[in-house]
Protein backbone atom coordinates (compact mmCIF):
# COMPACT_ATOMS: atom_id res chain seq x y z
CA LYS A 1 2.60 -51.68 -32.49
CA LEU A 2 -0.46 -49.56 -33.19
CA LYS A 3 -3.55 -50.84 -31.45
CA ARG A 4 -7.00 -49.56 -32.28
CA ASP A 5 -8.35 -50.13 -28.76
CA ASP A 6 -5.42 -48.59 -26.83
CA PRO A 7 -6.23 -45.59 -24.61
CA GLY A 8 -6.05 -42.53 -26.79
CA PHE A 9 -7.01 -44.36 -29.97
CA GLU A 10 -10.32 -42.97 -31.00
CA LYS A 11 -12.45 -43.94 -33.95
CA ASP A 12 -13.93 -40.95 -35.76
CA THR A 13 -17.55 -41.79 -36.43
CA SER A 14 -18.12 -39.07 -39.01
CA SER A 15 -19.01 -40.29 -42.49
CA ASN A 16 -16.15 -41.67 -44.59
CA ALA A 17 -13.65 -40.90 -41.83
CA ALA A 18 -10.61 -43.03 -41.17
CA PRO A 19 -9.75 -44.25 -37.67
CA MET A 20 -7.88 -41.61 -35.73
CA LEU A 21 -4.93 -42.23 -33.40
CA ARG A 22 -4.54 -39.39 -30.96
CA ALA A 23 -0.99 -38.43 -30.00
CA ASN A 24 0.51 -35.55 -28.07
CA SER A 25 1.77 -33.04 -30.63
CA ARG A 26 4.66 -31.98 -28.36
CA ALA A 27 6.29 -35.40 -28.58
CA PHE A 28 7.71 -37.34 -31.48
CA LEU A 29 5.16 -39.80 -32.76
CA GLY A 30 6.37 -43.30 -32.09
CA VAL A 31 5.61 -46.43 -30.17
CA GLY A 32 7.26 -48.09 -27.17
CA GLU A 33 9.93 -50.76 -27.30
CA ASN A 34 7.96 -53.85 -26.25
CA PHE A 35 6.74 -55.35 -29.49
CA SER A 36 4.97 -58.60 -30.08
CA THR A 37 6.28 -60.74 -32.91
CA LYS A 38 2.97 -62.60 -33.08
CA THR A 39 0.90 -61.47 -36.04
CA SER A 40 -2.82 -61.92 -36.41
CA CYS A 41 -4.50 -59.89 -39.11
CA GLY A 42 -7.89 -58.67 -37.99
CA ASP A 43 -6.96 -58.23 -34.31
CA ASN A 44 -7.14 -54.41 -34.50
CA VAL A 45 -3.34 -54.23 -34.14
CA CYS A 46 -1.06 -53.08 -36.94
CA ASP A 47 1.92 -55.31 -36.08
CA LEU A 48 5.44 -54.50 -37.24
CA ASP A 49 5.36 -57.25 -39.88
CA GLU A 50 1.94 -56.14 -41.18
CA ASN A 51 1.25 -53.27 -43.55
CA SER A 52 -1.64 -51.92 -45.61
CA ALA A 53 -0.94 -54.45 -48.38
CA THR A 54 -0.77 -57.54 -46.14
CA CYS A 55 -3.45 -56.52 -43.62
CA SER A 56 -5.53 -53.57 -44.73
CA GLU A 57 -8.06 -54.29 -41.96
CA ASP A 58 -5.53 -53.32 -39.26
CA CYS A 59 -3.08 -51.05 -41.10
CA SER A 60 -4.87 -48.89 -43.66
CA GLU A 61 -5.88 -45.27 -43.29
CA LEU A 62 -4.52 -44.57 -39.82
CA VAL A 63 -4.63 -40.85 -39.13
CA PHE A 64 -2.46 -39.17 -36.49
CA THR A 65 -3.76 -35.95 -34.96
CA PRO A 66 -3.07 -34.06 -31.72
CA SER A 67 -5.10 -35.20 -28.70
CA ASP A 68 -5.51 -31.65 -27.48
CA THR A 69 -6.40 -28.56 -29.46
CA GLY A 70 -3.89 -26.68 -27.35
CA GLY A 71 -4.04 -23.37 -25.61
CA ASN A 72 -1.52 -21.67 -27.86
CA GLY A 73 -1.76 -20.57 -31.45
CA ALA A 74 0.37 -19.09 -34.19
CA ILE A 75 0.38 -18.90 -37.97
CA GLY A 76 2.19 -22.23 -37.97
CA THR A 77 3.44 -25.17 -35.98
CA MET A 78 6.27 -27.66 -36.45
CA PHE A 79 6.44 -31.29 -35.37
CA ALA A 80 8.53 -34.35 -36.16
CA VAL A 81 7.60 -37.98 -36.80
CA SER A 82 10.06 -40.65 -35.70
CA ALA A 83 9.19 -43.84 -37.59
CA ILE A 84 9.63 -47.26 -36.02
CA ARG A 85 8.32 -48.83 -39.23
CA ASP A 86 8.01 -47.71 -42.83
CA LEU A 87 5.24 -45.10 -43.13
CA VAL A 88 3.50 -43.31 -45.96
CA VAL A 89 1.98 -39.97 -44.93
CA THR A 90 -0.64 -38.66 -47.37
CA SER A 91 -2.35 -35.91 -45.39
CA LEU A 92 -2.92 -34.45 -41.94
CA ASN A 93 -5.52 -32.62 -39.89
CA PHE A 94 -5.00 -29.49 -37.80
CA HIS A 95 -6.99 -27.34 -35.40
CA ALA A 96 -7.57 -23.66 -36.17
CA GLY A 97 -8.57 -20.95 -33.73
CA LYS A 98 -11.95 -20.27 -35.35
CA ASN A 99 -14.06 -21.05 -38.38
CA SER A 100 -12.66 -19.04 -41.28
CA GLU A 101 -13.25 -18.99 -45.01
CA ASN A 102 -10.65 -18.78 -47.78
CA GLN A 103 -7.58 -19.27 -45.60
CA MET A 104 -4.17 -20.13 -47.06
CA VAL A 105 -2.86 -23.46 -45.78
CA GLN A 106 0.63 -24.70 -46.60
CA VAL A 107 2.53 -27.74 -45.37
CA TYR A 108 6.28 -28.09 -45.66
CA THR A 109 8.44 -31.09 -44.83
CA ARG A 110 12.10 -31.98 -44.43
CA LYS A 111 14.09 -35.09 -43.56
CA GLY A 112 15.44 -35.01 -40.03
CA VAL A 113 14.58 -32.81 -37.09
CA PHE A 114 13.26 -29.28 -37.49
CA ARG A 115 15.37 -27.85 -34.65
CA GLY A 116 17.87 -25.44 -36.12
CA PHE A 117 15.68 -24.91 -39.20
CA GLU A 118 12.79 -23.01 -37.59
CA LEU A 119 13.85 -19.71 -39.19
CA LYS A 120 15.42 -21.07 -42.38
CA GLN A 121 13.75 -21.67 -45.73
CA ASP A 122 16.54 -23.93 -46.97
CA GLY A 123 15.85 -27.63 -46.60
CA TRP A 124 12.05 -27.41 -46.48
CA ASP A 125 9.88 -28.74 -49.34
CA LEU A 126 6.36 -27.43 -49.98
CA ILE A 127 4.03 -30.46 -50.14
CA TYR A 128 0.64 -28.75 -49.80
CA ASN A 129 -0.60 -25.33 -50.89
CA ASN A 130 -4.30 -24.51 -50.97
CA THR A 131 -6.87 -21.89 -50.02
CA MET A 132 -9.67 -23.48 -48.02
CA ASP A 133 -12.24 -23.06 -45.28
CA VAL A 134 -10.98 -24.09 -41.81
CA ASN A 135 -12.87 -25.34 -38.76
CA ASN A 136 -12.74 -24.04 -35.21
CA ARG A 137 -10.82 -25.52 -32.29
CA GLN A 138 -13.47 -28.16 -31.56
CA MET A 139 -13.20 -29.81 -34.98
CA ALA A 140 -9.99 -30.72 -36.80
CA THR A 141 -9.59 -29.40 -40.34
CA PRO A 142 -8.51 -32.02 -42.89
CA LEU A 143 -6.39 -30.95 -45.85
CA VAL A 144 -8.58 -30.84 -48.95
CA GLY A 145 -7.13 -33.39 -51.40
CA GLY A 146 -4.18 -34.35 -49.18
CA PHE A 147 -0.51 -33.88 -50.05
CA HIS A 148 0.57 -33.38 -53.66
CA ASN A 149 2.81 -36.46 -53.27
CA PRO A 150 2.89 -39.00 -50.43
CA ILE A 151 5.75 -38.66 -47.95
CA ASN A 152 7.62 -41.94 -47.40
CA ILE A 153 9.33 -42.26 -44.03
CA LEU A 154 11.50 -45.33 -43.60
CA SER A 155 11.87 -47.13 -40.31
CA GLY A 156 14.41 -45.32 -38.13
CA GLU A 157 14.07 -42.01 -39.98
CA ILE A 158 12.74 -38.71 -38.66
CA GLN A 159 10.62 -36.45 -40.86
CA SER A 160 9.64 -32.92 -39.81
CA PHE A 161 6.55 -31.01 -40.86
CA PHE A 162 5.60 -27.32 -40.72
CA VAL A 163 1.90 -26.47 -40.98
CA TYR A 164 1.28 -22.81 -41.89
CA SER A 165 -2.06 -21.06 -42.20
CA THR A 166 -3.32 -17.52 -42.37
CA ALA A 167 -5.83 -18.82 -39.79
CA LYS A 168 -4.31 -19.48 -36.37
CA VAL A 169 -2.95 -23.05 -36.01
CA LEU A 170 -3.42 -24.34 -32.45
CA TYR A 171 -0.77 -26.30 -30.58
CA ASP A 172 0.22 -27.09 -27.02
């Protein structure tokens, strides 16, 4: 159950920004096992039996981003999403080490975990490729235009992502 007023859920007040759910980038994104079966659209909770079509007020435009900009950086970072409900991922935000212009940003994805595929090109699909300006560590950088095609993750599946940039990508 995703709840807009849970600790760690933070609404981005910048113009035209979607609500932002903060999650630790070291862990798989997911939700605990105690779920309510009671549904009430408009209660700021995206219940398991709600979705963006049945309750856009609670379930549309949720954005997952790391809660911490991290103390480490590299030209890329990998993470996995473990879905407890059907998800459609259309974009992501990342933190770069410093403001930089004209930086290459690529995002790759693969079904399943990334472990064992960190140094392999096989099995990864390029879903974003753009040259863009990136923000510093205090402000997340959104992908201009989002993914070329949405990534559908069915309940129970794991989807891995690799974010690469010629600017340093921060992680923890």
